[in-house]
Amino acid sequence: MKKIIIADDEELIRRLVSDFLVAEGYEPLLADDGDVALRLFNENPDAALLILDIMMPNMDGWEVCRKVRETSDVPIIMLTARSQEYDQLTAFDCGADDYVTKPCSPSVLMKRVAALLRRREGGSGNMKVLTVDDLKLDSFAHEVWLEGKSISLTLKEYSILQKLLGAPGRVFTREQMLDDIWGFDFEGDVRTVDSHVARLRTKLGEWGTKHIKTIYGTGYKLEVNKDEAN
């Protein structure tokens, strides 16, 4: 049974989401503030997903997300009443994979949970190792190495890199990436893609600058020499 951590300072929200998760066959772990959420994650590193409120006592959801991202690429959904663009961009910059504003339908939230977990498990069935230059992506193990060192990526960063590596030279529009990686029901805009690509480039250093190219006004592509790709 997959464990899912729910962190929200409103008991009604925790109970409602928990009931729906149990009905879907998950094991909910409940936290009423950010400190408890982080402790639960550290005690349960096998947790499949986190659902975080932003405004919580002791430690807000953004900070919890940042600290989790230091060690893990576990999927993270922000569930919050904060609906401003700044809040959403901050959440994605912290490493969140999805952003859901309250009030929301619990059934829709469960669909988002299921979709993230499917992507995490490689629902496409395209399991193989992709290499370019000194970078290797193993889609079976869901791991990335650069110059022999493991690179920690969020689920969305990993999905972007996998898409680019899978079709070197092909230009992917921002809209295509939103639809394929975030899903058709995503409420954000194309700047979400830009912020994730920027963070991915930073994590990949010189490799990212060299190979991930911006096609201005369109999107992104992976630029490689013929002898670099496998």
C-alpha atoms as a PDB file:
ATOM      1  CA  MET A   1       0.000   0.000   0.000  1.00  0.00           C
ATOM      2  CA  LYS A   2       1.513   3.328  -1.072  1.00  0.00           C
ATOM      3  CA  LYS A   3       2.037   5.908   1.682  1.00  0.00           C
ATOM      4  CA  ILE A   4       0.992   9.497   1.013  1.00  0.00           C
ATOM      5  CA  ILE A   5       1.834  12.337   3.405  1.00  0.00           C
ATOM      6  CA  ILE A   6      -0.830  15.021   3.859  1.00  0.00           C
ATOM      7  CA  ALA A   7       0.300  18.232   5.574  1.00  0.00           C
ATOM      8  CA  ASP A   8      -2.369  20.837   6.336  1.00  0.00           C
ATOM      9  CA  ASP A   9      -3.146  22.812   9.487  1.00  0.00           C
ATOM     10  CA  GLU A  10      -6.896  22.462   8.857  1.00  0.00           C
ATOM     11  CA  GLU A  11      -8.186  19.258  10.418  1.00  0.00           C
ATOM     12  CA  LEU A  12     -11.217  19.163   8.114  1.00  0.00           C
ATOM     13  CA  ILE A  13      -8.982  19.189   5.023  1.00  0.00           C
ATOM     14  CA  ARG A  14      -6.691  16.504   6.434  1.00  0.00           C
ATOM     15  CA  ARG A  15      -9.638  14.269   7.281  1.00  0.00           C
ATOM     16  CA  LEU A  16     -11.390  14.801   3.937  1.00  0.00           C
ATOM     17  CA  VAL A  17      -8.309  14.102   1.827  1.00  0.00           C
ATOM     18  CA  SER A  18      -7.374  11.173   4.058  1.00  0.00           C
ATOM     19  CA  ASP A  19     -10.793   9.552   3.613  1.00  0.00           C
ATOM     20  CA  PHE A  20     -10.539   9.798  -0.168  1.00  0.00           C
ATOM     21  CA  LEU A  21      -6.998   8.400  -0.157  1.00  0.00           C
ATOM     22  CA  VAL A  22      -8.069   5.416   1.944  1.00  0.00           C
ATOM     23  CA  ALA A  23     -10.978   4.801  -0.440  1.00  0.00           C
ATOM     24  CA  GLU A  24      -8.468   4.737  -3.328  1.00  0.00           C
ATOM     25  CA  GLY A  25      -6.255   2.207  -1.540  1.00  0.00           C
ATOM     26  CA  TYR A  26      -3.510   4.496  -0.213  1.00  0.00           C
ATOM     27  CA  GLU A  27      -2.135   4.792   3.320  1.00  0.00           C
ATOM     28  CA  PRO A  28      -2.349   8.437   4.472  1.00  0.00           C
ATOM     29  CA  LEU A  29       0.147   9.881   6.960  1.00  0.00           C
ATOM     30  CA  LEU A  30      -1.155  13.108   8.524  1.00  0.00           C
ATOM     31  CA  ALA A  31       0.740  16.218   9.629  1.00  0.00           C
ATOM     32  CA  ASP A  32      -0.694  19.424  11.053  1.00  0.00           C
ATOM     33  CA  ASP A  33       2.399  21.566  10.461  1.00  0.00           C
ATOM     34  CA  GLY A  34       5.540  21.674   8.350  1.00  0.00           C
ATOM     35  CA  ASP A  35       7.893  20.293  10.994  1.00  0.00           C
ATOM     36  CA  VAL A  36       5.735  17.193  11.443  1.00  0.00           C
ATOM     37  CA  ALA A  37       5.473  16.755   7.671  1.00  0.00           C
ATOM     38  CA  LEU A  38       9.256  16.772   7.282  1.00  0.00           C
ATOM     39  CA  ARG A  39       9.691  14.386  10.208  1.00  0.00           C
ATOM     40  CA  LEU A  40       7.127  11.999   8.712  1.00  0.00           C
ATOM     41  CA  PHE A  41       8.965  12.059   5.394  1.00  0.00           C
ATOM     42  CA  ASN A  42      12.335  11.387   7.047  1.00  0.00           C
ATOM     43  CA  GLU A  43      10.779   8.482   8.962  1.00  0.00           C
ATOM     44  CA  ASN A  44       9.068   7.167   5.809  1.00  0.00           C
ATOM     45  CA  PRO A  45      11.501   7.651   2.911  1.00  0.00           C
ATOM     46  CA  ASP A  46       9.425   5.168   0.918  1.00  0.00           C
ATOM     47  CA  ALA A  47       6.464   7.584   0.847  1.00  0.00           C
ATOM     48  CA  ALA A  48       5.086   7.684  -2.693  1.00  0.00           C
ATOM     49  CA  LEU A  49       3.846  11.298  -2.705  1.00  0.00           C
ATOM     50  CA  LEU A  50       3.403  14.421  -0.553  1.00  0.00           C
ATOM     51  CA  ILE A  51       0.416  16.783  -0.473  1.00  0.00           C
ATOM     52  CA  LEU A  52       1.434  20.070   1.162  1.00  0.00           C
ATOM     53  CA  ASP A  53      -0.450  23.173   2.228  1.00  0.00           C
ATOM     54  CA  ILE A  54       1.647  26.342   1.931  1.00  0.00           C
ATOM     55  CA  MET A  55       0.653  28.329   5.022  1.00  0.00           C
ATOM     56  CA  MET A  56       1.373  26.083   8.009  1.00  0.00           C
ATOM     57  CA  PRO A  57       2.807  26.677  11.489  1.00  0.00           C
ATOM     58  CA  ASN A  58       6.532  26.241  12.231  1.00  0.00           C
ATOM     59  CA  MET A  59       7.526  25.584   8.618  1.00  0.00           C
ATOM     60  CA  ASP A  60       5.578  26.537   5.493  1.00  0.00           C
ATOM     61  CA  GLY A  61       4.971  24.199   2.573  1.00  0.00           C
ATOM     62  CA  TRP A  62       7.553  25.917   0.373  1.00  0.00           C
ATOM     63  CA  GLU A  63      10.305  25.237   2.910  1.00  0.00           C
ATOM     64  CA  VAL A  64       9.183  21.628   3.400  1.00  0.00           C
ATOM     65  CA  CYS A  65       9.320  21.172  -0.366  1.00  0.00           C
ATOM     66  CA  ARG A  66      12.833  22.651  -0.563  1.00  0.00           C
ATOM     67  CA  LYS A  67      14.131  20.403   2.204  1.00  0.00           C
ATOM     68  CA  VAL A  68      12.569  17.274   0.684  1.00  0.00           C
ATOM     69  CA  ARG A  69      14.128  18.154  -2.671  1.00  0.00           C
ATOM     70  CA  GLU A  70      17.583  18.119  -1.089  1.00  0.00           C
ATOM     71  CA  THR A  71      17.392  14.337  -0.918  1.00  0.00           C
ATOM     72  CA  SER A  72      14.440  13.106  -2.982  1.00  0.00           C
ATOM     73  CA  ASP A  73      12.506  13.507  -6.233  1.00  0.00           C
ATOM     74  CA  VAL A  74       9.287  12.145  -4.709  1.00  0.00           C
ATOM     75  CA  PRO A  75       6.200  13.738  -6.354  1.00  0.00           C
ATOM     76  CA  ILE A  76       4.857  16.772  -4.456  1.00  0.00           C
ATOM     77  CA  ILE A  77       1.451  18.426  -4.855  1.00  0.00           C
ATOM     78  CA  MET A  78       0.784  21.844  -3.330  1.00  0.00           C
ATOM     79  CA  LEU A  79      -2.821  22.054  -2.082  1.00  0.00           C
ATOM     80  CA  THR A  80      -3.483  25.625  -1.010  1.00  0.00           C
ATOM     81  CA  ALA A  81      -5.910  28.527  -0.952  1.00  0.00           C
ATOM     82  CA  ARG A  82      -3.197  30.802  -2.355  1.00  0.00           C
ATOM     83  CA  SER A  83      -4.014  31.336  -6.020  1.00  0.00           C
ATOM     84  CA  GLN A  84      -1.703  34.157  -7.114  1.00  0.00           C
ATOM     85  CA  GLU A  85       0.748  33.537  -9.943  1.00  0.00           C
ATOM     86  CA  TYR A  86       3.651  34.397  -7.622  1.00  0.00           C
ATOM     87  CA  ASP A  87       2.628  31.619  -5.239  1.00  0.00           C
ATOM     88  CA  GLN A  88       2.438  29.067  -8.031  1.00  0.00           C
ATOM     89  CA  LEU A  89       5.793  30.046  -9.525  1.00  0.00           C
ATOM     90  CA  THR A  90       7.414  29.960  -6.088  1.00  0.00           C
ATOM     91  CA  ALA A  91       6.027  26.469  -5.509  1.00  0.00           C
ATOM     92  CA  PHE A  92       7.414  25.198  -8.816  1.00  0.00           C
ATOM     93  CA  ASP A  93      10.758  26.881  -8.150  1.00  0.00           C
ATOM     94  CA  CYS A  94      10.868  24.994  -4.837  1.00  0.00           C
ATOM     95  CA  GLY A  95      10.414  21.731  -6.731  1.00  0.00           C
ATOM     96  CA  ALA A  96       6.656  21.072  -6.595  1.00  0.00           C
ATOM     97  CA  ASP A  97       5.228  18.885  -9.368  1.00  0.00           C
ATOM     98  CA  ASP A  98       1.628  20.095  -9.270  1.00  0.00           C
ATOM     99  CA  TYR A  99      -0.373  22.965  -7.781  1.00  0.00           C
ATOM    100  CA  VAL A 100      -4.021  22.668  -6.761  1.00  0.00           C
ATOM    101  CA  THR A 101      -6.017  25.569  -5.345  1.00  0.00           C
ATOM    102  CA  LYS A 102      -8.696  25.234  -2.676  1.00  0.00           C
ATOM    103  CA  PRO A 103     -11.543  24.680  -2.793  1.00  0.00           C
ATOM    104  CA  CYS A 104     -11.109  21.733  -5.125  1.00  0.00           C
ATOM    105  CA  SER A 105     -12.942  18.526  -5.851  1.00  0.00           C
ATOM    106  CA  PRO A 106     -11.409  15.630  -3.864  1.00  0.00           C
ATOM    107  CA  SER A 107     -12.124  13.383  -6.838  1.00  0.00           C
ATOM    108  CA  VAL A 108     -10.066  15.650  -9.102  1.00  0.00           C
ATOM    109  CA  LEU A 109      -7.272  15.684  -6.527  1.00  0.00           C
ATOM    110  CA  MET A 110      -7.255  11.871  -6.518  1.00  0.00           C
ATOM    111  CA  LYS A 111      -6.951  11.887 -10.324  1.00  0.00           C
ATOM    112  CA  ARG A 112      -3.948  14.175 -10.054  1.00  0.00           C
ATOM    113  CA  VAL A 113      -2.389  11.896  -7.440  1.00  0.00           C
ATOM    114  CA  ALA A 114      -2.915   8.864  -9.674  1.00  0.00           C
ATOM    115  CA  ALA A 115      -1.528  10.678 -12.737  1.00  0.00           C
ATOM    116  CA  LEU A 116       1.658  11.709 -10.923  1.00  0.00           C
ATOM    117  CA  LEU A 117       2.214   8.209  -9.601  1.00  0.00           C
ATOM    118  CA  ARG A 118       1.692   6.714 -13.084  1.00  0.00           C
ATOM    119  CA  ARG A 119       4.291   9.053 -14.539  1.00  0.00           C
ATOM    120  CA  ARG A 120       6.617   8.273 -11.677  1.00  0.00           C
ATOM    121  CA  GLU A 121       6.331   4.561 -12.391  1.00  0.00           C
ATOM    122  CA  GLY A 122       6.999   5.013 -16.092  1.00  0.00           C
ATOM    123  CA  GLY A 123       3.471   4.407 -17.337  1.00  0.00           C
ATOM    124  CA  SER A 124       4.560   4.658 -20.959  1.00  0.00           C
ATOM    125  CA  GLY A 125       6.482   1.393 -20.678  1.00  0.00           C
ATOM    126  CA  ASN A 126       9.435   2.968 -22.523  1.00  0.00           C
ATOM    127  CA  MET A 127      12.165   1.542 -20.265  1.00  0.00           C
ATOM    128  CA  LYS A 128      15.685   2.105 -21.550  1.00  0.00           C
ATOM    129  CA  VAL A 129      18.964   3.883 -20.925  1.00  0.00           C
ATOM    130  CA  LEU A 130      19.561   7.150 -22.786  1.00  0.00           C
ATOM    131  CA  THR A 131      23.047   8.649 -22.957  1.00  0.00           C
ATOM    132  CA  VAL A 132      24.418  11.881 -24.375  1.00  0.00           C
ATOM    133  CA  ASP A 133      27.997  12.923 -23.775  1.00  0.00           C
ATOM    134  CA  ASP A 134      28.720  12.281 -20.068  1.00  0.00           C
ATOM    135  CA  LEU A 135      25.049  12.097 -19.042  1.00  0.00           C
ATOM    136  CA  LYS A 136      23.054   8.885 -18.640  1.00  0.00           C
ATOM    137  CA  LEU A 137      19.333   8.532 -17.893  1.00  0.00           C
ATOM    138  CA  ASP A 138      18.086   5.101 -16.828  1.00  0.00           C
ATOM    139  CA  SER A 139      14.300   5.132 -17.227  1.00  0.00           C
ATOM    140  CA  PHE A 140      13.934   1.732 -15.542  1.00  0.00           C
ATOM    141  CA  ALA A 141      15.733   2.810 -12.351  1.00  0.00           C
ATOM    142  CA  HIS A 142      14.439   6.391 -12.762  1.00  0.00           C
ATOM    143  CA  GLU A 143      17.954   7.742 -12.186  1.00  0.00           C
ATOM    144  CA  VAL A 144      20.242  10.269 -13.876  1.00  0.00           C
ATOM    145  CA  TRP A 145      24.041  10.338 -13.724  1.00  0.00           C
ATOM    146  CA  LEU A 146      26.386  13.047 -14.976  1.00  0.00           C
ATOM    147  CA  GLU A 147      30.096  12.245 -15.147  1.00  0.00           C
ATOM    148  CA  GLY A 148      29.397   9.236 -12.933  1.00  0.00           C
ATOM    149  CA  LYS A 149      27.645  11.239 -10.210  1.00  0.00           C
ATOM    150  CA  SER A 150      23.953  10.830  -9.392  1.00  0.00           C
ATOM    151  CA  ILE A 151      21.845  13.935 -10.100  1.00  0.00           C
ATOM    152  CA  SER A 152      18.714  14.565  -8.015  1.00  0.00           C
ATOM    153  CA  LEU A 153      15.843  15.827 -10.188  1.00  0.00           C
ATOM    154  CA  THR A 154      12.196  16.463  -9.457  1.00  0.00           C
ATOM    155  CA  LEU A 155       9.653  14.371 -11.342  1.00  0.00           C
ATOM    156  CA  LYS A 156       8.924  17.217 -13.765  1.00  0.00           C
ATOM    157  CA  GLU A 157      12.613  17.967 -14.366  1.00  0.00           C
ATOM    158  CA  TYR A 158      13.233  14.272 -14.992  1.00  0.00           C
ATOM    159  CA  SER A 159      10.281  14.090 -17.419  1.00  0.00           C
ATOM    160  CA  ILE A 160      11.538  17.124 -19.372  1.00  0.00           C
ATOM    161  CA  LEU A 161      15.033  15.665 -19.641  1.00  0.00           C
ATOM    162  CA  GLN A 162      13.675  12.262 -20.676  1.00  0.00           C
ATOM    163  CA  LYS A 163      11.539  13.850 -23.388  1.00  0.00           C
ATOM    164  CA  LEU A 164      14.465  15.859 -24.787  1.00  0.00           C
ATOM    165  CA  LEU A 165      16.884  12.910 -24.631  1.00  0.00           C
ATOM    166  CA  GLY A 166      14.371  10.690 -26.384  1.00  0.00           C
ATOM    167  CA  ALA A 167      14.329  12.880 -29.498  1.00  0.00           C
ATOM    168  CA  PRO A 168      17.623  14.759 -29.963  1.00  0.00           C
ATOM    169  CA  GLY A 169      17.291  17.697 -32.336  1.00  0.00           C
ATOM    170  CA  ARG A 170      13.498  17.797 -32.176  1.00  0.00           C
ATOM    171  CA  VAL A 171      11.942  21.060 -31.031  1.00  0.00           C
ATOM    172  CA  PHE A 172       9.275  20.655 -28.351  1.00  0.00           C
ATOM    173  CA  THR A 173       6.956  23.607 -27.915  1.00  0.00           C
ATOM    174  CA  ARG A 174       6.139  24.821 -24.437  1.00  0.00           C
ATOM    175  CA  GLU A 175       2.508  23.894 -25.062  1.00  0.00           C
ATOM    176  CA  GLN A 176       3.490  20.316 -25.994  1.00  0.00           C
ATOM    177  CA  MET A 177       5.487  19.979 -22.788  1.00  0.00           C
ATOM    178  CA  LEU A 178       2.605  21.316 -20.697  1.00  0.00           C
ATOM    179  CA  ASP A 179       0.169  18.858 -22.243  1.00  0.00           C
ATOM    180  CA  ASP A 180       2.492  15.836 -22.162  1.00  0.00           C
ATOM    181  CA  ILE A 181       4.088  16.361 -18.743  1.00  0.00           C
ATOM    182  CA  TRP A 182       1.638  18.442 -16.703  1.00  0.00           C
ATOM    183  CA  GLY A 183      -1.552  17.195 -18.360  1.00  0.00           C
ATOM    184  CA  PHE A 184      -4.369  18.876 -20.243  1.00  0.00           C
ATOM    185  CA  ASP A 185      -6.114  19.990 -17.039  1.00  0.00           C
ATOM    186  CA  PHE A 186      -3.110  21.932 -15.718  1.00  0.00           C
ATOM    187  CA  GLU A 187      -4.142  25.454 -14.746  1.00  0.00           C
ATOM    188  CA  GLY A 188      -0.756  27.196 -15.105  1.00  0.00           C
ATOM    189  CA  ASP A 189       0.848  28.735 -18.188  1.00  0.00           C
ATOM    190  CA  VAL A 190       3.917  28.166 -20.348  1.00  0.00           C
ATOM    191  CA  ARG A 191       6.189  30.098 -17.973  1.00  0.00           C
ATOM    192  CA  THR A 192       5.970  27.046 -15.719  1.00  0.00           C
ATOM    193  CA  VAL A 193       7.937  25.132 -18.375  1.00  0.00           C
ATOM    194  CA  ASP A 194      10.545  27.895 -18.532  1.00  0.00           C
ATOM    195  CA  SER A 195      11.150  27.852 -14.772  1.00  0.00           C
ATOM    196  CA  HIS A 196      11.546  24.059 -14.736  1.00  0.00           C
ATOM    197  CA  VAL A 197      13.932  24.065 -17.714  1.00  0.00           C
ATOM    198  CA  ALA A 198      15.983  26.843 -16.083  1.00  0.00           C
ATOM    199  CA  ARG A 199      16.298  24.828 -12.880  1.00  0.00           C
ATOM    200  CA  LEU A 200      17.155  21.679 -14.861  1.00  0.00           C
ATOM    201  CA  ARG A 201      19.927  23.519 -16.713  1.00  0.00           C
ATOM    202  CA  THR A 202      21.335  24.792 -13.424  1.00  0.00           C
ATOM    203  CA  LYS A 203      21.456  21.285 -11.948  1.00  0.00           C
ATOM    204  CA  LEU A 204      23.180  19.935 -15.066  1.00  0.00           C
ATOM    205  CA  GLY A 205      25.748  22.747 -15.160  1.00  0.00           C
ATOM    206  CA  GLU A 206      27.888  23.007 -18.299  1.00  0.00           C
ATOM    207  CA  TRP A 207      26.173  19.951 -19.805  1.00  0.00           C
ATOM    208  CA  GLY A 208      22.793  21.673 -19.528  1.00  0.00           C
ATOM    209  CA  THR A 209      24.047  24.926 -21.032  1.00  0.00           C
ATOM    210  CA  LYS A 210      25.722  23.078 -23.890  1.00  0.00           C
ATOM    211  CA  HIS A 211      22.906  20.719 -24.828  1.00  0.00           C
ATOM    212  CA  ILE A 212      19.528  22.191 -23.766  1.00  0.00           C
ATOM    213  CA  LYS A 213      18.816  24.977 -26.206  1.00  0.00           C
ATOM    214  CA  THR A 214      16.026  27.542 -26.177  1.00  0.00           C
ATOM    215  CA  ILE A 215      14.206  28.075 -29.462  1.00  0.00           C
ATOM    216  CA  TYR A 216      12.952  31.575 -28.842  1.00  0.00           C
ATOM    217  CA  GLY A 217       9.227  32.018 -29.215  1.00  0.00           C
ATOM    218  CA  THR A 218       8.741  28.264 -29.545  1.00  0.00           C
ATOM    219  CA  GLY A 219      10.255  25.945 -26.954  1.00  0.00           C
ATOM    220  CA  TYR A 220      13.302  23.737 -26.377  1.00  0.00           C
ATOM    221  CA  LYS A 221      15.436  21.068 -28.006  1.00  0.00           C
ATOM    222  CA  LEU A 222      18.407  18.864 -27.154  1.00  0.00           C
ATOM    223  CA  GLU A 223      21.365  19.744 -29.342  1.00  0.00           C
ATOM    224  CA  VAL A 224      23.879  16.938 -29.846  1.00  0.00           C
ATOM    225  CA  ASN A 225      26.579  15.875 -32.277  1.00  0.00           C
ATOM    226  CA  LYS A 226      25.977  12.600 -34.062  1.00  0.00           C
ATOM    227  CA  ASP A 227      28.707  10.818 -32.102  1.00  0.00           C
ATOM    228  CA  GLU A 228      27.351  11.950 -28.699  1.00  0.00           C
ATOM    229  CA  ALA A 229      23.974  10.193 -28.603  1.00  0.00           C
ATOM    230  CA  ASN A 230      23.214   6.528 -27.880  1.00  0.00           C
END
